[in-house]
Amino acid sequence: MHANHYSQTYRQIRDDDPRDYQRIIRTYEEREAEIGRLDVLENFQLTVYYADALFATGAHRQHLMMVDLVIETSMRHSIHEVEGITGDVFHHLLFKKAASAFREQRFDVSSHVARELVRMLPGRELNVRFLRASLFRQQGRILQYGRAGFVACLLVAAALIVAEILIWRNVYPEFVAFSQLAIAGTFTVGILLLLGFYGYAYSKAHYAAYGFQRAAKNK
């Protein structure tokens, strides 16, 4: 569709600065009924810009509620191009959906969508890295164990420091060297626990993401 075929309502709304996201959101919500009466392509494009504006302003929960409707329209009417958006708009919308889900800590959703992106474009490295990040954050229990172990070691080290200051230095100075060694050892164990659990979670996510990519390439 050429620019001179667009309706007056569409042209008026598109006159807004594409970087003025708050204005785009306000205009869309004020004129939603008019936009709903536009033809499919014009309605779709304006709704894509609205959804992107929600994403850009950090309204990720609202974006998640809107983006599914836009994705469904893209699929139903086979719309793959939108003015001002590079590449396939369907992939663009899916990636933004995954990113919003990630920001909302809905890592199961972001992982699922990232898998779809990898399945469609297995050669795109960004999709695989995003899948890895989502799978990593999905392992909350493993990460929690690492943090809990680190905090426990910090508490033990703090208790040893207090004991050294109040007891060992005044009553048993011969134990000071041993106390300092125990403090350093406890802190080191805490760091190793944190790194170990996080490293394990990362390696699981890494091998799962790149294994999924290899499988997608072979199909």
N, C-alpha and C. Protein backbone atom coordinates (compact mmCIF):
# COMPACT_ATOMS: atom_id res chain seq x y z
N MET A 1 0.84 -1.19 0.00
CA MET A 1 0.00 0.00 0.00
C MET A 1 0.88 1.24 0.00
N HIS A 2 0.60 2.22 -0.87
CA HIS A 2 1.39 3.42 -0.96
C HIS A 2 0.88 4.45 0.04
N ALA A 3 1.74 5.43 0.33
CA ALA A 3 1.41 6.42 1.36
C ALA A 3 0.14 7.19 1.03
N ASN A 4 -0.08 7.53 -0.27
CA ASN A 4 -1.24 8.34 -0.64
C ASN A 4 -2.54 7.55 -0.60
N HIS A 5 -2.49 6.29 -0.27
CA HIS A 5 -3.70 5.48 -0.13
C HIS A 5 -4.14 5.35 1.33
N TYR A 6 -3.36 5.87 2.23
CA TYR A 6 -3.72 5.78 3.64
C TYR A 6 -4.89 6.71 3.95
N SER A 7 -5.71 6.31 4.91
CA SER A 7 -6.86 7.13 5.30
C SER A 7 -6.40 8.38 6.05
N GLN A 8 -7.29 9.34 6.15
CA GLN A 8 -6.96 10.60 6.84
C GLN A 8 -6.68 10.34 8.32
N THR A 9 -7.48 9.48 8.94
CA THR A 9 -7.26 9.15 10.36
C THR A 9 -5.88 8.56 10.57
N TYR A 10 -5.49 7.65 9.71
CA TYR A 10 -4.18 7.03 9.83
C TYR A 10 -3.08 8.07 9.70
N ARG A 11 -3.20 8.94 8.69
CA ARG A 11 -2.17 9.95 8.46
C ARG A 11 -2.05 10.92 9.64
N GLN A 12 -3.19 11.28 10.21
CA GLN A 12 -3.18 12.19 11.36
C GLN A 12 -2.44 11.57 12.55
N ILE A 13 -2.72 10.31 12.80
CA ILE A 13 -2.09 9.64 13.94
C ILE A 13 -0.61 9.42 13.68
N ARG A 14 -0.27 9.10 12.43
CA ARG A 14 1.14 8.86 12.10
C ARG A 14 1.97 10.13 12.05
N ASP A 15 1.31 11.29 12.13
CA ASP A 15 2.06 12.55 12.17
C ASP A 15 2.79 12.73 13.49
N ASP A 16 2.41 11.95 14.51
CA ASP A 16 3.09 12.03 15.80
C ASP A 16 4.55 11.62 15.66
N ASP A 17 5.41 12.21 16.46
CA ASP A 17 6.82 11.84 16.49
C ASP A 17 6.93 10.36 16.88
N PRO A 18 7.54 9.51 16.05
CA PRO A 18 7.62 8.08 16.37
C PRO A 18 8.43 7.78 17.64
N ARG A 19 9.18 8.76 18.11
CA ARG A 19 9.96 8.56 19.35
C ARG A 19 9.25 9.11 20.58
N ASP A 20 8.12 9.78 20.36
CA ASP A 20 7.33 10.31 21.49
C ASP A 20 6.35 9.23 21.93
N TYR A 21 6.86 8.27 22.69
CA TYR A 21 6.07 7.08 23.02
C TYR A 21 4.85 7.41 23.88
N GLN A 22 4.99 8.34 24.80
CA GLN A 22 3.85 8.69 25.64
C GLN A 22 2.71 9.28 24.80
N ARG A 23 3.07 10.07 23.81
CA ARG A 23 2.04 10.65 22.93
C ARG A 23 1.39 9.57 22.08
N ILE A 24 2.18 8.64 21.59
CA ILE A 24 1.63 7.53 20.80
C ILE A 24 0.62 6.75 21.63
N ILE A 25 0.99 6.45 22.87
CA ILE A 25 0.09 5.71 23.76
C ILE A 25 -1.18 6.50 24.01
N ARG A 26 -1.04 7.78 24.33
CA ARG A 26 -2.20 8.62 24.63
C ARG A 26 -3.12 8.76 23.42
N THR A 27 -2.54 8.99 22.25
CA THR A 27 -3.34 9.14 21.03
C THR A 27 -4.10 7.86 20.71
N TYR A 28 -3.42 6.73 20.81
CA TYR A 28 -4.07 5.44 20.50
C TYR A 28 -5.25 5.20 21.44
N GLU A 29 -5.02 5.43 22.73
CA GLU A 29 -6.08 5.14 23.70
C GLU A 29 -7.25 6.11 23.58
N GLU A 30 -6.96 7.37 23.18
CA GLU A 30 -8.03 8.35 23.00
C GLU A 30 -8.83 8.08 21.73
N ARG A 31 -8.18 7.51 20.71
CA ARG A 31 -8.85 7.33 19.42
C ARG A 31 -9.00 5.85 19.06
N GLU A 32 -9.05 5.01 20.08
CA GLU A 32 -9.10 3.57 19.85
C GLU A 32 -10.32 3.16 19.03
N ALA A 33 -11.47 3.81 19.28
CA ALA A 33 -12.68 3.45 18.53
C ALA A 33 -12.51 3.78 17.05
N GLU A 34 -11.92 4.94 16.73
CA GLU A 34 -11.67 5.30 15.34
C GLU A 34 -10.70 4.32 14.69
N ILE A 35 -9.65 3.97 15.42
CA ILE A 35 -8.65 3.04 14.89
C ILE A 35 -9.28 1.68 14.61
N GLY A 36 -10.20 1.28 15.45
CA GLY A 36 -10.87 0.00 15.25
C GLY A 36 -11.70 -0.06 13.99
N ARG A 37 -12.09 1.10 13.44
CA ARG A 37 -12.89 1.13 12.21
C ARG A 37 -12.03 1.21 10.95
N LEU A 38 -10.72 1.32 11.11
CA LEU A 38 -9.83 1.37 9.96
C LEU A 38 -9.72 -0.02 9.32
N ASP A 39 -9.15 -0.06 8.10
CA ASP A 39 -8.98 -1.37 7.47
C ASP A 39 -7.91 -2.17 8.23
N VAL A 40 -7.81 -3.43 7.90
CA VAL A 40 -6.97 -4.35 8.67
C VAL A 40 -5.52 -3.88 8.75
N LEU A 41 -4.95 -3.48 7.62
CA LEU A 41 -3.54 -3.11 7.59
C LEU A 41 -3.26 -1.86 8.41
N GLU A 42 -4.11 -0.83 8.25
CA GLU A 42 -3.90 0.40 9.00
C GLU A 42 -4.07 0.15 10.50
N ASN A 43 -5.12 -0.56 10.84
CA ASN A 43 -5.36 -0.90 12.25
C ASN A 43 -4.18 -1.68 12.82
N PHE A 44 -3.70 -2.64 12.06
CA PHE A 44 -2.58 -3.47 12.52
C PHE A 44 -1.33 -2.62 12.75
N GLN A 45 -1.00 -1.77 11.79
CA GLN A 45 0.21 -0.97 11.91
C GLN A 45 0.15 -0.04 13.12
N LEU A 46 -0.96 0.63 13.30
CA LEU A 46 -1.08 1.55 14.44
C LEU A 46 -1.03 0.78 15.76
N THR A 47 -1.59 -0.42 15.79
CA THR A 47 -1.55 -1.21 17.02
C THR A 47 -0.14 -1.72 17.30
N VAL A 48 0.62 -2.03 16.25
CA VAL A 48 2.02 -2.41 16.42
C VAL A 48 2.81 -1.25 17.04
N TYR A 49 2.60 -0.03 16.51
CA TYR A 49 3.31 1.13 17.05
C TYR A 49 2.92 1.36 18.52
N TYR A 50 1.65 1.15 18.82
CA TYR A 50 1.18 1.30 20.20
C TYR A 50 1.83 0.27 21.11
N ALA A 51 1.86 -0.98 20.67
CA ALA A 51 2.47 -2.04 21.46
C ALA A 51 3.96 -1.76 21.68
N ASP A 52 4.64 -1.30 20.64
CA ASP A 52 6.07 -0.98 20.77
C ASP A 52 6.29 0.19 21.74
N ALA A 53 5.36 1.15 21.72
CA ALA A 53 5.46 2.28 22.64
C ALA A 53 5.28 1.81 24.09
N LEU A 54 4.36 0.89 24.32
CA LEU A 54 4.19 0.32 25.66
C LEU A 54 5.48 -0.35 26.12
N PHE A 55 6.09 -1.10 25.22
CA PHE A 55 7.34 -1.79 25.53
C PHE A 55 8.44 -0.77 25.85
N ALA A 56 8.54 0.27 25.03
CA ALA A 56 9.61 1.25 25.19
C ALA A 56 9.49 2.03 26.49
N THR A 57 8.27 2.20 26.98
CA THR A 57 8.06 2.96 28.22
C THR A 57 8.08 2.06 29.46
N GLY A 58 8.34 0.78 29.27
CA GLY A 58 8.45 -0.13 30.41
C GLY A 58 7.12 -0.67 30.91
N ALA A 59 6.04 -0.47 30.14
CA ALA A 59 4.73 -1.00 30.53
C ALA A 59 4.62 -2.44 30.03
N HIS A 60 5.45 -3.31 30.59
CA HIS A 60 5.58 -4.66 30.04
C HIS A 60 4.35 -5.52 30.29
N ARG A 61 3.67 -5.30 31.39
CA ARG A 61 2.46 -6.08 31.64
C ARG A 61 1.38 -5.74 30.62
N GLN A 62 1.19 -4.44 30.36
CA GLN A 62 0.22 -4.03 29.34
C GLN A 62 0.65 -4.51 27.96
N HIS A 63 1.95 -4.45 27.71
CA HIS A 63 2.46 -4.91 26.42
C HIS A 63 2.14 -6.38 26.20
N LEU A 64 2.31 -7.19 27.23
CA LEU A 64 2.03 -8.62 27.10
C LEU A 64 0.56 -8.87 26.78
N MET A 65 -0.33 -8.06 27.37
CA MET A 65 -1.75 -8.25 27.09
C MET A 65 -2.10 -7.84 25.66
N MET A 66 -1.38 -6.85 25.12
CA MET A 66 -1.69 -6.35 23.78
C MET A 66 -1.01 -7.16 22.68
N VAL A 67 0.23 -7.60 22.94
CA VAL A 67 1.03 -8.15 21.85
C VAL A 67 0.46 -9.46 21.31
N ASP A 68 -0.20 -10.24 22.14
CA ASP A 68 -0.78 -11.50 21.65
C ASP A 68 -1.85 -11.23 20.58
N LEU A 69 -2.63 -10.17 20.79
CA LEU A 69 -3.66 -9.82 19.80
C LEU A 69 -3.03 -9.41 18.48
N VAL A 70 -1.90 -8.67 18.57
CA VAL A 70 -1.23 -8.22 17.35
C VAL A 70 -0.59 -9.40 16.63
N ILE A 71 0.02 -10.30 17.39
CA ILE A 71 0.62 -11.50 16.79
C ILE A 71 -0.44 -12.34 16.09
N GLU A 72 -1.60 -12.48 16.73
CA GLU A 72 -2.69 -13.25 16.13
C GLU A 72 -3.15 -12.62 14.82
N THR A 73 -3.23 -11.28 14.78
CA THR A 73 -3.63 -10.59 13.55
C THR A 73 -2.59 -10.78 12.46
N SER A 74 -1.32 -10.70 12.83
CA SER A 74 -0.24 -10.91 11.87
C SER A 74 -0.34 -12.29 11.23
N MET A 75 -0.63 -13.31 12.04
CA MET A 75 -0.74 -14.67 11.52
C MET A 75 -2.00 -14.84 10.68
N ARG A 76 -3.12 -14.30 11.15
CA ARG A 76 -4.38 -14.51 10.45
C ARG A 76 -4.38 -13.86 9.07
N HIS A 77 -3.76 -12.67 8.97
CA HIS A 77 -3.79 -11.94 7.70
C HIS A 77 -2.45 -11.98 6.96
N SER A 78 -1.53 -12.80 7.46
CA SER A 78 -0.21 -12.96 6.81
C SER A 78 0.48 -11.61 6.56
N ILE A 79 0.51 -10.79 7.60
CA ILE A 79 1.18 -9.49 7.50
C ILE A 79 2.59 -9.64 8.04
N HIS A 80 3.57 -9.35 7.22
CA HIS A 80 4.96 -9.55 7.62
C HIS A 80 5.79 -8.27 7.57
N GLU A 81 5.23 -7.20 7.04
CA GLU A 81 5.99 -5.96 6.93
C GLU A 81 5.20 -4.80 7.51
N VAL A 82 5.90 -3.95 8.25
CA VAL A 82 5.31 -2.72 8.79
C VAL A 82 6.31 -1.60 8.59
N GLU A 83 5.83 -0.48 8.10
CA GLU A 83 6.69 0.68 7.87
C GLU A 83 7.41 1.09 9.16
N GLY A 84 8.73 1.25 9.06
CA GLY A 84 9.51 1.68 10.22
C GLY A 84 10.08 0.55 11.05
N ILE A 85 9.72 -0.70 10.73
CA ILE A 85 10.22 -1.85 11.47
C ILE A 85 11.05 -2.72 10.53
N THR A 86 12.28 -2.98 10.92
CA THR A 86 13.19 -3.77 10.09
C THR A 86 12.88 -5.25 10.24
N GLY A 87 12.84 -5.95 9.12
CA GLY A 87 12.64 -7.40 9.14
C GLY A 87 11.18 -7.79 9.27
N ASP A 88 10.97 -9.06 9.52
CA ASP A 88 9.62 -9.63 9.63
C ASP A 88 8.98 -9.14 10.92
N VAL A 89 7.82 -8.50 10.80
CA VAL A 89 7.15 -7.94 11.99
C VAL A 89 6.71 -9.05 12.94
N PHE A 90 6.42 -10.24 12.41
CA PHE A 90 6.02 -11.35 13.27
C PHE A 90 7.16 -11.71 14.23
N HIS A 91 8.38 -11.81 13.70
CA HIS A 91 9.53 -12.09 14.57
C HIS A 91 9.78 -10.94 15.54
N HIS A 92 9.61 -9.72 15.05
CA HIS A 92 9.77 -8.53 15.88
C HIS A 92 8.83 -8.59 17.09
N LEU A 93 7.57 -8.92 16.83
CA LEU A 93 6.58 -8.97 17.91
C LEU A 93 6.87 -10.10 18.88
N LEU A 94 7.27 -11.25 18.35
CA LEU A 94 7.59 -12.38 19.22
C LEU A 94 8.76 -12.06 20.15
N PHE A 95 9.79 -11.43 19.60
CA PHE A 95 10.95 -11.11 20.43
C PHE A 95 10.58 -10.11 21.52
N LYS A 96 9.77 -9.10 21.17
CA LYS A 96 9.34 -8.13 22.18
C LYS A 96 8.48 -8.81 23.25
N LYS A 97 7.66 -9.78 22.83
CA LYS A 97 6.86 -10.51 23.81
C LYS A 97 7.76 -11.27 24.77
N ALA A 98 8.77 -11.95 24.23
CA ALA A 98 9.70 -12.69 25.08
C ALA A 98 10.42 -11.75 26.05
N ALA A 99 10.83 -10.58 25.55
CA ALA A 99 11.54 -9.63 26.39
C ALA A 99 10.65 -9.08 27.50
N SER A 100 9.38 -8.80 27.18
CA SER A 100 8.45 -8.32 28.22
C SER A 100 8.22 -9.38 29.28
N ALA A 101 8.05 -10.62 28.84
CA ALA A 101 7.86 -11.72 29.80
C ALA A 101 9.09 -11.85 30.70
N PHE A 102 10.27 -11.68 30.13
CA PHE A 102 11.51 -11.76 30.91
C PHE A 102 11.54 -10.64 31.95
N ARG A 103 11.17 -9.43 31.53
CA ARG A 103 11.18 -8.29 32.46
C ARG A 103 10.16 -8.50 33.58
N GLU A 104 9.06 -9.17 33.27
CA GLU A 104 8.03 -9.45 34.28
C GLU A 104 8.34 -10.71 35.09
N GLN A 105 9.52 -11.28 34.85
CA GLN A 105 9.99 -12.49 35.53
C GLN A 105 9.08 -13.69 35.26
N ARG A 106 8.49 -13.71 34.08
CA ARG A 106 7.71 -14.88 33.64
C ARG A 106 8.63 -15.69 32.72
N PHE A 107 9.59 -16.32 33.35
CA PHE A 107 10.67 -16.95 32.59
C PHE A 107 10.20 -18.18 31.82
N ASP A 108 9.11 -18.81 32.27
CA ASP A 108 8.57 -19.94 31.51
C ASP A 108 8.03 -19.45 30.17
N VAL A 109 7.38 -18.28 30.17
CA VAL A 109 6.85 -17.71 28.93
C VAL A 109 7.99 -17.26 28.02
N SER A 110 8.97 -16.55 28.59
CA SER A 110 10.07 -16.06 27.76
C SER A 110 10.86 -17.22 27.16
N SER A 111 11.02 -18.32 27.91
CA SER A 111 11.73 -19.49 27.37
C SER A 111 10.93 -20.14 26.24
N HIS A 112 9.63 -20.24 26.42
CA HIS A 112 8.78 -20.85 25.39
C HIS A 112 8.83 -20.04 24.09
N VAL A 113 8.70 -18.72 24.20
CA VAL A 113 8.71 -17.87 23.02
C VAL A 113 10.10 -17.88 22.37
N ALA A 114 11.14 -17.86 23.22
CA ALA A 114 12.51 -17.90 22.68
C ALA A 114 12.75 -19.19 21.90
N ARG A 115 12.20 -20.30 22.36
CA ARG A 115 12.33 -21.55 21.61
C ARG A 115 11.68 -21.43 20.24
N GLU A 116 10.51 -20.78 20.20
CA GLU A 116 9.84 -20.59 18.91
C GLU A 116 10.69 -19.74 17.97
N LEU A 117 11.33 -18.71 18.53
CA LEU A 117 12.19 -17.86 17.72
C LEU A 117 13.39 -18.63 17.18
N VAL A 118 13.98 -19.46 18.03
CA VAL A 118 15.12 -20.27 17.58
C VAL A 118 14.68 -21.27 16.53
N ARG A 119 13.50 -21.84 16.72
CA ARG A 119 12.98 -22.81 15.75
C ARG A 119 12.77 -22.15 14.38
N MET A 120 12.31 -20.89 14.39
CA MET A 120 12.06 -20.21 13.12
C MET A 120 13.35 -19.68 12.49
N LEU A 121 14.26 -19.17 13.34
CA LEU A 121 15.52 -18.59 12.84
C LEU A 121 16.69 -19.17 13.64
N PRO A 122 17.03 -20.44 13.40
CA PRO A 122 18.08 -21.08 14.20
C PRO A 122 19.46 -20.46 14.02
N GLY A 123 19.66 -19.72 12.95
CA GLY A 123 20.97 -19.11 12.73
C GLY A 123 21.15 -17.77 13.40
N ARG A 124 20.10 -17.24 14.00
CA ARG A 124 20.20 -15.92 14.64
C ARG A 124 20.71 -16.09 16.07
N GLU A 125 21.92 -15.65 16.30
CA GLU A 125 22.59 -15.86 17.59
C GLU A 125 21.86 -15.17 18.73
N LEU A 126 21.28 -14.01 18.49
CA LEU A 126 20.59 -13.28 19.55
C LEU A 126 19.46 -14.09 20.15
N ASN A 127 18.74 -14.83 19.31
CA ASN A 127 17.64 -15.66 19.81
C ASN A 127 18.16 -16.76 20.74
N VAL A 128 19.28 -17.37 20.38
CA VAL A 128 19.85 -18.44 21.20
C VAL A 128 20.34 -17.88 22.54
N ARG A 129 20.96 -16.73 22.50
CA ARG A 129 21.45 -16.13 23.74
C ARG A 129 20.30 -15.74 24.66
N PHE A 130 19.22 -15.26 24.04
CA PHE A 130 18.06 -14.91 24.85
C PHE A 130 17.45 -16.16 25.47
N LEU A 131 17.39 -17.25 24.71
CA LEU A 131 16.88 -18.51 25.25
C LEU A 131 17.76 -18.95 26.42
N ARG A 132 19.06 -18.84 26.27
CA ARG A 132 19.98 -19.21 27.35
C ARG A 132 19.73 -18.38 28.61
N ALA A 133 19.55 -17.07 28.43
CA ALA A 133 19.29 -16.20 29.58
C ALA A 133 17.98 -16.57 30.27
N SER A 134 16.96 -16.89 29.49
CA SER A 134 15.66 -17.26 30.07
C SER A 134 15.75 -18.59 30.82
N LEU A 135 16.44 -19.55 30.23
CA LEU A 135 16.60 -20.85 30.89
C LEU A 135 17.42 -20.72 32.17
N PHE A 136 18.41 -19.83 32.13
CA PHE A 136 19.23 -19.60 33.33
C PHE A 136 18.37 -19.04 34.46
N ARG A 137 17.56 -18.03 34.16
CA ARG A 137 16.74 -17.41 35.20
C ARG A 137 15.60 -18.32 35.64
N GLN A 138 15.27 -19.29 34.81
CA GLN A 138 14.21 -20.23 35.17
C GLN A 138 14.64 -21.18 36.28
N GLN A 139 15.93 -21.31 36.48
CA GLN A 139 16.45 -22.24 37.49
C GLN A 139 16.55 -21.55 38.85
N GLY A 140 15.43 -21.00 39.28
CA GLY A 140 15.40 -20.23 40.52
C GLY A 140 15.83 -21.01 41.74
N ARG A 141 15.48 -22.29 41.81
CA ARG A 141 15.82 -23.08 43.00
C ARG A 141 17.33 -23.27 43.12
N ILE A 142 17.98 -23.57 42.01
CA ILE A 142 19.44 -23.74 42.04
C ILE A 142 20.13 -22.43 42.43
N LEU A 143 19.68 -21.33 41.84
CA LEU A 143 20.27 -20.03 42.15
C LEU A 143 20.01 -19.65 43.61
N GLN A 144 18.84 -20.03 44.09
CA GLN A 144 18.50 -19.73 45.49
C GLN A 144 19.42 -20.50 46.45
N TYR A 145 19.73 -21.74 46.12
CA TYR A 145 20.65 -22.52 46.94
C TYR A 145 22.02 -21.83 47.00
N GLY A 146 22.49 -21.33 45.86
CA GLY A 146 23.77 -20.65 45.83
C GLY A 146 23.77 -19.40 46.69
N ARG A 147 22.71 -18.61 46.59
CA ARG A 147 22.62 -17.39 47.40
C ARG A 147 22.51 -17.72 48.88
N ALA A 148 21.70 -18.75 49.19
CA ALA A 148 21.52 -19.12 50.60
C ALA A 148 22.84 -19.61 51.20
N GLY A 149 23.60 -20.40 50.45
CA GLY A 149 24.89 -20.86 50.95
C GLY A 149 25.85 -19.72 51.18
N PHE A 150 25.86 -18.76 50.27
CA PHE A 150 26.74 -17.60 50.40
C PHE A 150 26.37 -16.78 51.63
N VAL A 151 25.07 -16.51 51.82
CA VAL A 151 24.62 -15.72 52.97
C VAL A 151 24.93 -16.45 54.28
N ALA A 152 24.74 -17.77 54.30
CA ALA A 152 25.04 -18.54 55.51
C ALA A 152 26.52 -18.42 55.87
N CYS A 153 27.38 -18.50 54.87
CA CYS A 153 28.82 -18.37 55.12
C CYS A 153 29.17 -16.97 55.60
N LEU A 154 28.51 -15.97 55.05
CA LEU A 154 28.74 -14.60 55.51
C LEU A 154 28.35 -14.44 56.98
N LEU A 155 27.22 -15.05 57.35
CA LEU A 155 26.77 -14.96 58.75
C LEU A 155 27.75 -15.67 59.68
N VAL A 156 28.25 -16.83 59.26
CA VAL A 156 29.23 -17.55 60.08
C VAL A 156 30.51 -16.73 60.20
N ALA A 157 30.95 -16.14 59.08
CA ALA A 157 32.16 -15.32 59.10
C ALA A 157 31.97 -14.12 60.02
N ALA A 158 30.79 -13.49 59.98
CA ALA A 158 30.51 -12.35 60.85
C ALA A 158 30.55 -12.77 62.32
N ALA A 159 29.98 -13.95 62.61
CA ALA A 159 30.01 -14.45 63.99
C ALA A 159 31.44 -14.71 64.45
N LEU A 160 32.27 -15.24 63.58
CA LEU A 160 33.68 -15.48 63.91
C LEU A 160 34.44 -14.17 64.15
N ILE A 161 34.11 -13.15 63.37
CA ILE A 161 34.75 -11.84 63.56
C ILE A 161 34.38 -11.26 64.92
N VAL A 162 33.09 -11.35 65.27
CA VAL A 162 32.64 -10.85 66.58
C VAL A 162 33.33 -11.61 67.71
N ALA A 163 33.42 -12.94 67.54
CA ALA A 163 34.08 -13.76 68.57
C ALA A 163 35.55 -13.38 68.70
N GLU A 164 36.18 -13.12 67.59
CA GLU A 164 37.60 -12.72 67.65
C GLU A 164 37.79 -11.42 68.39
N ILE A 165 36.92 -10.43 68.10
CA ILE A 165 37.05 -9.11 68.72
C ILE A 165 36.73 -9.16 70.22
N LEU A 166 35.67 -9.88 70.57
CA LEU A 166 35.21 -9.88 71.96
C LEU A 166 35.90 -10.91 72.86
N ILE A 167 36.33 -12.02 72.25
CA ILE A 167 36.84 -13.11 73.09
C ILE A 167 38.31 -13.40 72.84
N TRP A 168 38.63 -13.82 71.59
CA TRP A 168 39.97 -14.34 71.34
C TRP A 168 41.06 -13.31 71.63
N ARG A 169 40.87 -12.07 71.17
CA ARG A 169 41.93 -11.08 71.36
C ARG A 169 42.15 -10.72 72.83
N ASN A 170 41.07 -10.80 73.61
CA ASN A 170 41.18 -10.41 75.02
C ASN A 170 41.50 -11.58 75.94
N VAL A 171 40.96 -12.74 75.63
CA VAL A 171 41.09 -13.89 76.55
C VAL A 171 42.07 -14.93 76.03
N TYR A 172 41.96 -15.27 74.75
CA TYR A 172 42.83 -16.31 74.17
C TYR A 172 43.52 -15.77 72.92
N PRO A 173 44.47 -14.90 73.04
CA PRO A 173 45.13 -14.31 71.86
C PRO A 173 45.80 -15.34 70.96
N GLU A 174 46.13 -16.50 71.52
CA GLU A 174 46.78 -17.52 70.70
C GLU A 174 45.83 -18.09 69.63
N PHE A 175 44.53 -17.85 69.79
CA PHE A 175 43.55 -18.35 68.81
C PHE A 175 43.26 -17.35 67.69
N VAL A 176 43.83 -16.14 67.79
CA VAL A 176 43.53 -15.10 66.80
C VAL A 176 43.91 -15.53 65.39
N ALA A 177 45.11 -16.10 65.25
CA ALA A 177 45.56 -16.51 63.91
C ALA A 177 44.64 -17.57 63.33
N PHE A 178 44.26 -18.53 64.18
CA PHE A 178 43.34 -19.57 63.72
C PHE A 178 41.98 -18.97 63.35
N SER A 179 41.52 -17.99 64.16
CA SER A 179 40.23 -17.34 63.90
C SER A 179 40.25 -16.62 62.56
N GLN A 180 41.33 -15.90 62.27
CA GLN A 180 41.44 -15.19 61.01
C GLN A 180 41.47 -16.15 59.83
N LEU A 181 42.14 -17.27 60.02
CA LEU A 181 42.17 -18.28 58.96
C LEU A 181 40.78 -18.86 58.72
N ALA A 182 40.04 -19.09 59.83
CA ALA A 182 38.67 -19.63 59.71
C ALA A 182 37.75 -18.64 59.03
N ILE A 183 37.91 -17.35 59.34
CA ILE A 183 37.09 -16.32 58.71
C ILE A 183 37.34 -16.29 57.20
N ALA A 184 38.61 -16.27 56.81
CA ALA A 184 38.95 -16.25 55.39
C ALA A 184 38.45 -17.50 54.69
N GLY A 185 38.59 -18.66 55.35
CA GLY A 185 38.13 -19.92 54.76
C GLY A 185 36.62 -19.94 54.58
N THR A 186 35.90 -19.45 55.58
CA THR A 186 34.43 -19.43 55.50
C THR A 186 33.95 -18.54 54.38
N PHE A 187 34.58 -17.36 54.28
CA PHE A 187 34.21 -16.43 53.20
C PHE A 187 34.52 -17.04 51.83
N THR A 188 35.66 -17.71 51.74
CA THR A 188 36.04 -18.35 50.46
C THR A 188 35.05 -19.45 50.08
N VAL A 189 34.63 -20.24 51.07
CA VAL A 189 33.64 -21.29 50.81
C VAL A 189 32.34 -20.69 50.30
N GLY A 190 31.94 -19.55 50.91
CA GLY A 190 30.71 -18.89 50.47
C GLY A 190 30.79 -18.45 49.03
N ILE A 191 31.93 -17.85 48.65
CA ILE A 191 32.13 -17.41 47.27
C ILE A 191 32.09 -18.61 46.31
N LEU A 192 32.76 -19.70 46.72
CA LEU A 192 32.79 -20.88 45.87
C LEU A 192 31.41 -21.51 45.71
N LEU A 193 30.62 -21.50 46.79
CA LEU A 193 29.26 -22.02 46.70
C LEU A 193 28.43 -21.19 45.71
N LEU A 194 28.54 -19.87 45.85
CA LEU A 194 27.78 -18.99 44.96
C LEU A 194 28.19 -19.20 43.51
N LEU A 195 29.50 -19.19 43.26
CA LEU A 195 29.98 -19.39 41.89
C LEU A 195 29.64 -20.78 41.36
N GLY A 196 29.73 -21.77 42.25
CA GLY A 196 29.45 -23.15 41.83
C GLY A 196 28.01 -23.35 41.39
N PHE A 197 27.06 -22.88 42.21
CA PHE A 197 25.65 -23.06 41.87
C PHE A 197 25.28 -22.22 40.63
N TYR A 198 25.78 -20.98 40.57
CA TYR A 198 25.49 -20.14 39.41
C TYR A 198 26.15 -20.71 38.15
N GLY A 199 27.37 -21.22 38.29
CA GLY A 199 28.05 -21.81 37.15
C GLY A 199 27.33 -23.05 36.65
N TYR A 200 26.82 -23.86 37.59
CA TYR A 200 26.08 -25.06 37.21
C TYR A 200 24.80 -24.69 36.46
N ALA A 201 24.08 -23.67 36.98
CA ALA A 201 22.85 -23.23 36.32
C ALA A 201 23.15 -22.67 34.93
N TYR A 202 24.23 -21.92 34.82
CA TYR A 202 24.59 -21.34 33.52
C TYR A 202 24.95 -22.42 32.51
N SER A 203 25.73 -23.41 32.97
CA SER A 203 26.13 -24.47 32.04
C SER A 203 24.92 -25.27 31.56
N LYS A 204 23.98 -25.53 32.47
CA LYS A 204 22.75 -26.23 32.07
C LYS A 204 21.99 -25.42 31.01
N ALA A 205 21.86 -24.11 31.26
CA ALA A 205 21.14 -23.26 30.33
C ALA A 205 21.87 -23.18 28.99
N HIS A 206 23.18 -23.07 29.04
CA HIS A 206 23.98 -22.95 27.82
C HIS A 206 23.83 -24.21 26.94
N TYR A 207 24.01 -25.37 27.53
CA TYR A 207 23.94 -26.60 26.75
C TYR A 207 22.52 -26.87 26.25
N ALA A 208 21.52 -26.50 27.07
CA ALA A 208 20.14 -26.69 26.63
C ALA A 208 19.80 -25.78 25.45
N ALA A 209 20.23 -24.51 25.52
CA ALA A 209 19.92 -23.55 24.46
C ALA A 209 20.61 -23.91 23.16
N TYR A 210 21.91 -24.20 23.24
CA TYR A 210 22.64 -24.50 22.00
C TYR A 210 22.32 -25.90 21.48
N GLY A 211 21.92 -26.80 22.38
CA GLY A 211 21.45 -28.10 21.93
C GLY A 211 20.14 -27.96 21.17
N PHE A 212 19.27 -27.07 21.65
CA PHE A 212 18.01 -26.82 20.96
C PHE A 212 18.27 -26.19 19.60
N GLN A 213 19.26 -25.28 19.53
CA GLN A 213 19.61 -24.67 18.25
C GLN A 213 20.10 -25.71 17.25
N ARG A 214 20.95 -26.62 17.69
CA ARG A 214 21.46 -27.66 16.79
C ARG A 214 20.34 -28.54 16.27
N ALA A 215 19.41 -28.89 17.17
CA ALA A 215 18.27 -29.71 16.76
C ALA A 215 17.40 -28.97 15.76
N ALA A 216 17.22 -27.66 15.96
CA ALA A 216 16.39 -26.87 15.04
C ALA A 216 17.06 -26.77 13.66
N LYS A 217 18.37 -26.65 13.65
CA LYS A 217 19.09 -26.57 12.36
C LYS A 217 19.01 -27.87 11.59
N ASN A 218 18.94 -28.99 12.30
CA ASN A 218 18.93 -30.30 11.65
C ASN A 218 17.56 -30.70 11.12
N LYS A 219 16.53 -29.93 11.47
CA LYS A 219 15.18 -30.30 11.01
C LYS A 219 14.96 -29.81 9.58
